[in-house]
Amino acid sequence: APLVQSGGDGVLVEQIGTPLTHAQFLNRHRGNYGLAIPAGSSDFTFPSVDTPLPGYYRCGDSTTSGIGVPAVASSGAQCANALMTVWEQLKLNDKIRM
């Protein structure tokens, strides 16, 4: 028999996550994820990876579209692209055998 069955009969533990849960356990301001985009705003643009401080860049799931790991990975790639070309990145990947 499978260890996890489909449907409600196979559920052993069920936990509900709410904005309050996210605020408490994930340290998210008011339980929010991602960017605060005003509803109906057509002129909104995502923030640049650049900052007013030379050599410092902005990344994380609150700086790009999406939530969690995919957004963080995407913003990290955007920062890498701000520092060097994709071809330079690929050469470095070869150097470290990635």
N, C-alpha and C. Protein backbone atom coordinates (compact mmCIF):
# COMPACT_ATOMS: atom_id res chain seq x y z
N ALA A 1 0.85 -1.19 0.00
CA ALA A 1 0.00 0.00 0.00
C ALA A 1 0.89 1.24 0.00
N PRO A 2 0.47 2.29 -0.70
CA PRO A 2 1.28 3.53 -0.71
C PRO A 2 1.31 4.17 0.67
N LEU A 3 2.42 4.87 0.96
CA LEU A 3 2.56 5.54 2.24
C LEU A 3 1.63 6.74 2.34
N VAL A 4 1.43 7.44 1.23
CA VAL A 4 0.55 8.60 1.23
C VAL A 4 -0.56 8.34 0.24
N GLN A 5 -1.76 8.34 0.73
CA GLN A 5 -2.91 8.10 -0.14
C GLN A 5 -3.44 9.44 -0.63
N SER A 6 -4.06 9.41 -1.79
CA SER A 6 -4.68 10.64 -2.27
C SER A 6 -6.03 10.83 -1.61
N GLY A 7 -6.45 12.06 -1.52
CA GLY A 7 -7.74 12.35 -0.90
C GLY A 7 -7.60 12.59 0.59
N GLY A 8 -8.69 12.97 1.21
CA GLY A 8 -8.71 13.33 2.63
C GLY A 8 -8.38 12.19 3.57
N ASP A 9 -8.60 10.94 3.15
CA ASP A 9 -8.35 9.81 4.04
C ASP A 9 -6.87 9.63 4.36
N GLY A 10 -5.98 10.09 3.48
CA GLY A 10 -4.57 9.89 3.68
C GLY A 10 -3.88 11.02 4.43
N VAL A 11 -4.62 12.04 4.80
CA VAL A 11 -4.01 13.18 5.47
C VAL A 11 -3.78 12.83 6.94
N LEU A 12 -2.51 12.88 7.36
CA LEU A 12 -2.17 12.60 8.75
C LEU A 12 -2.07 13.88 9.55
N VAL A 13 -1.49 14.91 8.96
CA VAL A 13 -1.32 16.21 9.62
C VAL A 13 -1.76 17.29 8.64
N GLU A 14 -2.58 18.18 9.12
CA GLU A 14 -3.01 19.30 8.29
C GLU A 14 -2.77 20.57 9.08
N GLN A 15 -2.04 21.51 8.48
CA GLN A 15 -1.77 22.78 9.14
C GLN A 15 -2.24 23.90 8.23
N ILE A 16 -2.87 24.87 8.82
CA ILE A 16 -3.37 26.01 8.07
C ILE A 16 -2.40 27.17 8.25
N GLY A 17 -1.99 27.75 7.13
CA GLY A 17 -1.10 28.92 7.17
C GLY A 17 -1.88 30.17 6.81
N THR A 18 -1.82 31.16 7.65
CA THR A 18 -2.50 32.43 7.42
C THR A 18 -1.46 33.54 7.43
N PRO A 19 -1.83 34.76 7.08
CA PRO A 19 -0.87 35.86 7.22
C PRO A 19 -0.31 35.98 8.64
N LEU A 20 -1.12 35.68 9.65
CA LEU A 20 -0.61 35.73 11.03
C LEU A 20 0.46 34.67 11.26
N THR A 21 0.28 33.48 10.68
CA THR A 21 1.27 32.41 10.78
C THR A 21 2.58 32.86 10.11
N HIS A 22 2.45 33.45 8.92
CA HIS A 22 3.64 33.89 8.19
C HIS A 22 4.37 35.00 8.96
N ALA A 23 3.62 35.88 9.57
CA ALA A 23 4.24 36.95 10.35
C ALA A 23 5.00 36.38 11.54
N GLN A 24 4.42 35.40 12.21
CA GLN A 24 5.04 34.86 13.42
C GLN A 24 6.23 33.96 13.11
N PHE A 25 6.07 33.02 12.19
CA PHE A 25 7.11 32.01 11.98
C PHE A 25 8.10 32.34 10.87
N LEU A 26 7.72 33.19 9.93
CA LEU A 26 8.59 33.53 8.82
C LEU A 26 9.10 34.96 8.89
N ASN A 27 8.68 35.67 9.95
CA ASN A 27 9.11 37.05 10.17
C ASN A 27 8.78 37.95 8.97
N ARG A 28 7.60 37.75 8.39
CA ARG A 28 7.15 38.57 7.27
C ARG A 28 6.26 39.68 7.79
N HIS A 29 6.52 40.91 7.38
CA HIS A 29 5.75 42.06 7.84
C HIS A 29 4.27 41.84 7.55
N ARG A 30 3.47 41.79 8.58
CA ARG A 30 2.02 41.58 8.47
C ARG A 30 1.67 40.34 7.66
N GLY A 31 2.61 39.39 7.57
CA GLY A 31 2.36 38.15 6.86
C GLY A 31 2.42 38.26 5.35
N ASN A 32 2.95 39.37 4.85
CA ASN A 32 2.97 39.60 3.40
C ASN A 32 4.08 38.83 2.71
N TYR A 33 3.84 38.51 1.45
CA TYR A 33 4.84 37.90 0.56
C TYR A 33 5.01 38.79 -0.65
N GLY A 34 6.21 38.85 -1.17
CA GLY A 34 6.45 39.54 -2.42
C GLY A 34 6.28 41.05 -2.29
N LEU A 35 6.19 41.68 -3.45
CA LEU A 35 6.09 43.13 -3.51
C LEU A 35 4.70 43.63 -3.13
N ALA A 36 4.65 44.82 -2.63
CA ALA A 36 3.37 45.47 -2.37
C ALA A 36 3.01 46.30 -3.60
N ILE A 37 2.24 45.71 -4.50
CA ILE A 37 1.86 46.38 -5.73
C ILE A 37 0.46 46.94 -5.54
N PRO A 38 0.29 48.25 -5.67
CA PRO A 38 -1.04 48.84 -5.51
C PRO A 38 -2.02 48.31 -6.57
N ALA A 39 -3.20 47.94 -6.13
CA ALA A 39 -4.22 47.44 -7.05
C ALA A 39 -4.55 48.51 -8.09
N GLY A 40 -4.66 48.10 -9.33
CA GLY A 40 -5.03 49.01 -10.40
C GLY A 40 -3.92 49.93 -10.87
N SER A 41 -2.73 49.75 -10.36
CA SER A 41 -1.61 50.62 -10.75
C SER A 41 -1.00 50.12 -12.04
N SER A 42 -1.12 50.88 -13.10
CA SER A 42 -0.57 50.46 -14.38
C SER A 42 0.84 51.01 -14.61
N ASP A 43 1.24 51.97 -13.79
CA ASP A 43 2.57 52.57 -13.98
C ASP A 43 3.62 52.01 -13.02
N PHE A 44 3.28 50.91 -12.34
CA PHE A 44 4.23 50.32 -11.38
C PHE A 44 5.37 49.65 -12.13
N THR A 45 6.60 49.86 -11.67
CA THR A 45 7.76 49.14 -12.19
C THR A 45 8.49 48.48 -11.03
N PHE A 46 9.08 47.34 -11.30
CA PHE A 46 9.83 46.64 -10.26
C PHE A 46 11.08 47.43 -9.93
N PRO A 47 11.51 47.38 -8.68
CA PRO A 47 12.72 48.11 -8.31
C PRO A 47 13.94 47.54 -9.02
N SER A 48 14.90 48.38 -9.28
CA SER A 48 16.16 47.96 -9.88
C SER A 48 17.00 47.22 -8.84
N VAL A 49 17.95 46.42 -9.30
CA VAL A 49 18.84 45.75 -8.35
C VAL A 49 19.85 46.72 -7.75
N ASP A 50 20.03 47.87 -8.42
CA ASP A 50 20.97 48.87 -7.92
C ASP A 50 20.43 49.56 -6.67
N THR A 51 21.36 50.06 -5.86
CA THR A 51 21.00 50.84 -4.68
C THR A 51 21.79 52.14 -4.72
N PRO A 52 21.45 53.09 -3.87
CA PRO A 52 22.24 54.33 -3.81
C PRO A 52 23.66 54.09 -3.30
N LEU A 53 23.92 52.93 -2.70
CA LEU A 53 25.25 52.63 -2.15
C LEU A 53 26.06 51.86 -3.18
N PRO A 54 27.17 52.41 -3.65
CA PRO A 54 27.99 51.72 -4.65
C PRO A 54 28.45 50.34 -4.15
N GLY A 55 28.30 49.33 -5.00
CA GLY A 55 28.74 47.98 -4.64
C GLY A 55 27.71 47.18 -3.88
N TYR A 56 26.56 47.76 -3.56
CA TYR A 56 25.50 47.05 -2.86
C TYR A 56 24.31 46.86 -3.81
N TYR A 57 23.73 45.69 -3.76
CA TYR A 57 22.63 45.37 -4.66
C TYR A 57 21.45 44.85 -3.86
N ARG A 58 20.30 44.95 -4.44
CA ARG A 58 19.05 44.57 -3.80
C ARG A 58 18.59 43.25 -4.41
N CYS A 59 18.30 42.26 -3.54
CA CYS A 59 17.73 41.01 -4.03
C CYS A 59 16.88 40.38 -2.93
N GLY A 60 16.09 39.41 -3.31
CA GLY A 60 15.19 38.74 -2.37
C GLY A 60 13.80 38.66 -2.95
N ASP A 61 12.93 37.92 -2.28
CA ASP A 61 11.59 37.71 -2.85
C ASP A 61 10.70 38.93 -2.76
N SER A 62 11.16 39.98 -2.10
CA SER A 62 10.36 41.20 -2.06
C SER A 62 10.81 42.22 -3.10
N THR A 63 11.73 41.83 -3.97
CA THR A 63 12.25 42.75 -4.97
C THR A 63 11.88 42.37 -6.39
N THR A 64 11.23 41.25 -6.58
CA THR A 64 10.89 40.78 -7.92
C THR A 64 9.56 40.04 -7.87
N SER A 65 9.04 39.71 -9.02
CA SER A 65 7.74 39.04 -9.04
C SER A 65 7.86 37.62 -8.48
N GLY A 66 6.83 37.14 -7.85
CA GLY A 66 6.81 35.81 -7.28
C GLY A 66 7.09 35.82 -5.80
N ILE A 67 7.06 34.62 -5.22
CA ILE A 67 7.31 34.49 -3.79
C ILE A 67 8.28 33.34 -3.55
N GLY A 68 8.95 33.39 -2.43
CA GLY A 68 9.78 32.27 -1.99
C GLY A 68 11.04 32.07 -2.81
N VAL A 69 11.48 30.81 -2.88
CA VAL A 69 12.75 30.45 -3.50
C VAL A 69 12.84 30.86 -4.98
N PRO A 70 11.80 30.63 -5.80
CA PRO A 70 11.92 31.06 -7.21
C PRO A 70 12.19 32.56 -7.35
N ALA A 71 11.53 33.38 -6.56
CA ALA A 71 11.74 34.82 -6.63
C ALA A 71 13.13 35.20 -6.15
N VAL A 72 13.60 34.54 -5.10
CA VAL A 72 14.95 34.83 -4.59
C VAL A 72 16.00 34.44 -5.63
N ALA A 73 15.82 33.27 -6.24
CA ALA A 73 16.77 32.82 -7.27
C ALA A 73 16.76 33.77 -8.46
N SER A 74 15.58 34.20 -8.86
CA SER A 74 15.46 35.14 -9.98
C SER A 74 16.16 36.46 -9.66
N SER A 75 15.96 36.97 -8.46
CA SER A 75 16.58 38.24 -8.11
C SER A 75 18.09 38.09 -7.99
N GLY A 76 18.56 36.93 -7.55
CA GLY A 76 20.01 36.68 -7.52
C GLY A 76 20.60 36.68 -8.91
N ALA A 77 19.87 36.08 -9.87
CA ALA A 77 20.33 36.08 -11.26
C ALA A 77 20.34 37.49 -11.82
N GLN A 78 19.36 38.30 -11.45
CA GLN A 78 19.33 39.69 -11.91
C GLN A 78 20.54 40.46 -11.37
N CYS A 79 20.90 40.21 -10.12
CA CYS A 79 22.09 40.86 -9.55
C CYS A 79 23.35 40.41 -10.28
N ALA A 80 23.45 39.11 -10.54
CA ALA A 80 24.62 38.59 -11.26
C ALA A 80 24.71 39.25 -12.63
N ASN A 81 23.58 39.40 -13.30
CA ASN A 81 23.57 40.04 -14.62
C ASN A 81 23.95 41.51 -14.55
N ALA A 82 23.71 42.15 -13.42
CA ALA A 82 24.10 43.55 -13.24
C ALA A 82 25.62 43.67 -13.07
N LEU A 83 26.24 42.59 -12.59
CA LEU A 83 27.68 42.63 -12.31
C LEU A 83 28.52 42.19 -13.50
N MET A 84 28.01 41.24 -14.29
CA MET A 84 28.78 40.71 -15.42
C MET A 84 27.85 40.10 -16.45
N THR A 85 28.36 39.86 -17.63
CA THR A 85 27.54 39.27 -18.68
C THR A 85 27.28 37.80 -18.39
N VAL A 86 26.31 37.24 -19.07
CA VAL A 86 26.01 35.82 -18.92
C VAL A 86 27.22 34.99 -19.33
N TRP A 87 27.93 35.43 -20.37
CA TRP A 87 29.10 34.68 -20.85
C TRP A 87 30.21 34.67 -19.79
N GLU A 88 30.39 35.78 -19.10
CA GLU A 88 31.38 35.83 -18.01
C GLU A 88 30.95 34.90 -16.88
N GLN A 89 29.66 34.86 -16.60
CA GLN A 89 29.17 33.96 -15.56
C GLN A 89 29.41 32.50 -15.92
N LEU A 90 29.18 32.16 -17.19
CA LEU A 90 29.39 30.78 -17.63
C LEU A 90 30.86 30.38 -17.53
N LYS A 91 31.77 31.32 -17.84
CA LYS A 91 33.20 31.03 -17.69
C LYS A 91 33.54 30.75 -16.23
N LEU A 92 32.96 31.55 -15.32
CA LEU A 92 33.21 31.31 -13.90
C LEU A 92 32.62 29.97 -13.46
N ASN A 93 31.45 29.61 -13.99
CA ASN A 93 30.85 28.32 -13.67
C ASN A 93 31.78 27.19 -14.09
N ASP A 94 32.41 27.32 -15.26
CA ASP A 94 33.37 26.31 -15.72
C ASP A 94 34.56 26.22 -14.77
N LYS A 95 35.02 27.37 -14.30
CA LYS A 95 36.16 27.41 -13.39
C LYS A 95 35.89 26.63 -12.10
N ILE A 96 34.67 26.77 -11.58
CA ILE A 96 34.37 26.08 -10.33
C ILE A 96 33.66 24.74 -10.58
N ARG A 97 33.62 24.35 -11.85
CA ARG A 97 33.01 23.08 -12.27
C ARG A 97 31.57 22.94 -11.81
N MET A 98 30.82 23.99 -12.06
CA MET A 98 29.41 23.99 -11.68
C MET A 98 28.56 23.53 -12.84
